[in-house]
Amino acid sequence: MNEADLENVIFGVLKQIAPDASPATLEPDDNLREALDIDSFDHLNFLIGLNEKLGVDIPESDYGKLNTLKQVIEYLKARIPA
C-alpha cells in the first residue's frame, strides 16, 4: 500500500469520526486532534477504525506516537506488509 492509498484510508476514517472536518486540508505535521477539533474518545475511535480497515494492531502504548498525519502514515507503513 503506498502513501496515497494510506492517506485515502486515513481520511475516510477521519470523515467517519468527524464528518464536518476537512482532513484533506491537513498538513503532515498538524496535530490531528487540534486541527480537526476531535477529543480523545474520537481519537481512540480513529485508531480503532484504522485497525478495522487495515488490520494493523495499535497497542495503547503507541497511541501517543500517533498525533500527526505524518506520524500515522509512517507508523502504518512500517506495519503493513508490502
C-alpha atoms as a PDB file:
ATOM      1  CA  MET A   1       0.000   0.000   0.000  1.00  0.00           C
ATOM      2  CA  ASN A   2       1.508   3.320  -0.998  1.00  0.00           C
ATOM      3  CA  GLU A   3       1.318   6.600   0.868  1.00  0.00           C
ATOM      4  CA  ALA A   4      -1.567   7.950  -1.227  1.00  0.00           C
ATOM      5  CA  ASP A   5      -3.620   4.821  -0.518  1.00  0.00           C
ATOM      6  CA  LEU A   6      -2.870   5.162   3.192  1.00  0.00           C
ATOM      7  CA  GLU A   7      -3.953   8.807   3.149  1.00  0.00           C
ATOM      8  CA  ASN A   8      -7.230   7.831   1.492  1.00  0.00           C
ATOM      9  CA  VAL A   9      -7.918   5.250   4.201  1.00  0.00           C
ATOM     10  CA  ILE A  10      -6.915   7.689   6.960  1.00  0.00           C
ATOM     11  CA  PHE A  11      -9.097  10.463   5.525  1.00  0.00           C
ATOM     12  CA  GLY A  12     -12.014   8.056   5.148  1.00  0.00           C
ATOM     13  CA  VAL A  13     -11.784   7.014   8.793  1.00  0.00           C
ATOM     14  CA  LEU A  14     -11.414  10.634   9.904  1.00  0.00           C
ATOM     15  CA  LYS A  15     -14.534  11.610   7.927  1.00  0.00           C
ATOM     16  CA  GLN A  16     -16.481   8.930   9.804  1.00  0.00           C
ATOM     17  CA  ILE A  17     -15.261  10.296  13.139  1.00  0.00           C
ATOM     18  CA  ALA A  18     -15.541  13.996  12.283  1.00  0.00           C
ATOM     19  CA  PRO A  19     -17.929  14.372   9.312  1.00  0.00           C
ATOM     20  CA  ASP A  20     -17.711  18.168   9.313  1.00  0.00           C
ATOM     21  CA  ALA A  21     -13.911  18.193   9.245  1.00  0.00           C
ATOM     22  CA  SER A  22     -11.766  18.589   6.138  1.00  0.00           C
ATOM     23  CA  PRO A  23      -8.925  16.113   6.546  1.00  0.00           C
ATOM     24  CA  ALA A  24      -7.617  16.885   3.040  1.00  0.00           C
ATOM     25  CA  THR A  25      -6.507  20.293   4.333  1.00  0.00           C
ATOM     26  CA  LEU A  26      -4.236  18.699   6.951  1.00  0.00           C
ATOM     27  CA  GLU A  27      -0.552  19.433   6.756  1.00  0.00           C
ATOM     28  CA  PRO A  28       1.752  16.478   7.546  1.00  0.00           C
ATOM     29  CA  ASP A  29       2.832  17.942  10.898  1.00  0.00           C
ATOM     30  CA  ASP A  30      -0.572  19.225  12.053  1.00  0.00           C
ATOM     31  CA  ASN A  31      -1.826  17.727  15.289  1.00  0.00           C
ATOM     32  CA  LEU A  32      -4.883  15.726  14.235  1.00  0.00           C
ATOM     33  CA  ARG A  33      -6.867  16.340  17.395  1.00  0.00           C
ATOM     34  CA  GLU A  34      -6.294  20.092  17.318  1.00  0.00           C
ATOM     35  CA  ALA A  35      -6.668  20.572  13.566  1.00  0.00           C
ATOM     36  CA  LEU A  36      -9.903  18.581  13.361  1.00  0.00           C
ATOM     37  CA  ASP A  37     -11.205  19.527  16.805  1.00  0.00           C
ATOM     38  CA  ILE A  38     -11.674  15.942  17.978  1.00  0.00           C
ATOM     39  CA  ASP A  39     -11.493  14.766  21.562  1.00  0.00           C
ATOM     40  CA  SER A  40      -9.571  11.816  22.998  1.00  0.00           C
ATOM     41  CA  PHE A  41     -12.556   9.474  22.571  1.00  0.00           C
ATOM     42  CA  ASP A  42     -12.815  10.382  18.874  1.00  0.00           C
ATOM     43  CA  HIS A  43      -9.050   9.902  18.504  1.00  0.00           C
ATOM     44  CA  LEU A  44      -9.399   6.436  20.030  1.00  0.00           C
ATOM     45  CA  ASN A  45     -12.230   5.659  17.595  1.00  0.00           C
ATOM     46  CA  PHE A  46      -9.979   6.861  14.774  1.00  0.00           C
ATOM     47  CA  LEU A  47      -7.252   4.406  15.807  1.00  0.00           C
ATOM     48  CA  ILE A  48      -9.812   1.595  16.144  1.00  0.00           C
ATOM     49  CA  GLY A  49     -11.130   2.466  12.675  1.00  0.00           C
ATOM     50  CA  LEU A  50      -7.623   2.214  11.234  1.00  0.00           C
ATOM     51  CA  ASN A  51      -7.254  -1.197  12.841  1.00  0.00           C
ATOM     52  CA  GLU A  52     -10.554  -2.346  11.339  1.00  0.00           C
ATOM     53  CA  LYS A  53      -9.740  -1.036   7.837  1.00  0.00           C
ATOM     54  CA  LEU A  54      -6.097  -2.071   7.676  1.00  0.00           C
ATOM     55  CA  GLY A  55      -5.769  -4.907  10.166  1.00  0.00           C
ATOM     56  CA  VAL A  56      -2.924  -3.149  11.962  1.00  0.00           C
ATOM     57  CA  ASP A  57      -2.931  -3.637  15.716  1.00  0.00           C
ATOM     58  CA  ILE A  58      -2.127  -0.398  17.514  1.00  0.00           C
ATOM     59  CA  PRO A  59      -1.260  -1.050  21.158  1.00  0.00           C
ATOM     60  CA  GLU A  60      -2.306   1.551  23.712  1.00  0.00           C
ATOM     61  CA  SER A  61       1.361   2.237  24.427  1.00  0.00           C
ATOM     62  CA  ASP A  62       1.702   3.613  20.868  1.00  0.00           C
ATOM     63  CA  TYR A  63      -1.270   5.998  20.963  1.00  0.00           C
ATOM     64  CA  GLY A  64       0.945   8.928  21.967  1.00  0.00           C
ATOM     65  CA  LYS A  65       3.111   8.368  18.888  1.00  0.00           C
ATOM     66  CA  LEU A  66       0.205   8.992  16.523  1.00  0.00           C
ATOM     67  CA  ASN A  67      -0.556  12.684  16.794  1.00  0.00           C
ATOM     68  CA  THR A  68       0.130  13.949  13.273  1.00  0.00           C
ATOM     69  CA  LEU A  69      -0.757  12.760   9.797  1.00  0.00           C
ATOM     70  CA  LYS A  70       2.932  12.125   9.127  1.00  0.00           C
ATOM     71  CA  GLN A  71       3.303  10.033  12.286  1.00  0.00           C
ATOM     72  CA  VAL A  72       0.238   7.953  11.454  1.00  0.00           C
ATOM     73  CA  ILE A  73       1.406   7.305   7.883  1.00  0.00           C
ATOM     74  CA  GLU A  74       4.931   6.333   8.944  1.00  0.00           C
ATOM     75  CA  TYR A  75       3.591   4.089  11.709  1.00  0.00           C
ATOM     76  CA  LEU A  76       1.212   2.292   9.355  1.00  0.00           C
ATOM     77  CA  LYS A  77       3.744   1.982   6.519  1.00  0.00           C
ATOM     78  CA  ALA A  78       6.103   0.185   8.885  1.00  0.00           C
ATOM     79  CA  ARG A  79       3.408  -2.322   9.879  1.00  0.00           C
ATOM     80  CA  ILE A  80       1.549  -3.084   6.658  1.00  0.00           C
ATOM     81  CA  PRO A  81       3.058  -5.882   4.586  1.00  0.00           C
ATOM     82  CA  ALA A  82       4.234  -4.743   1.169  1.00  0.00           C
END
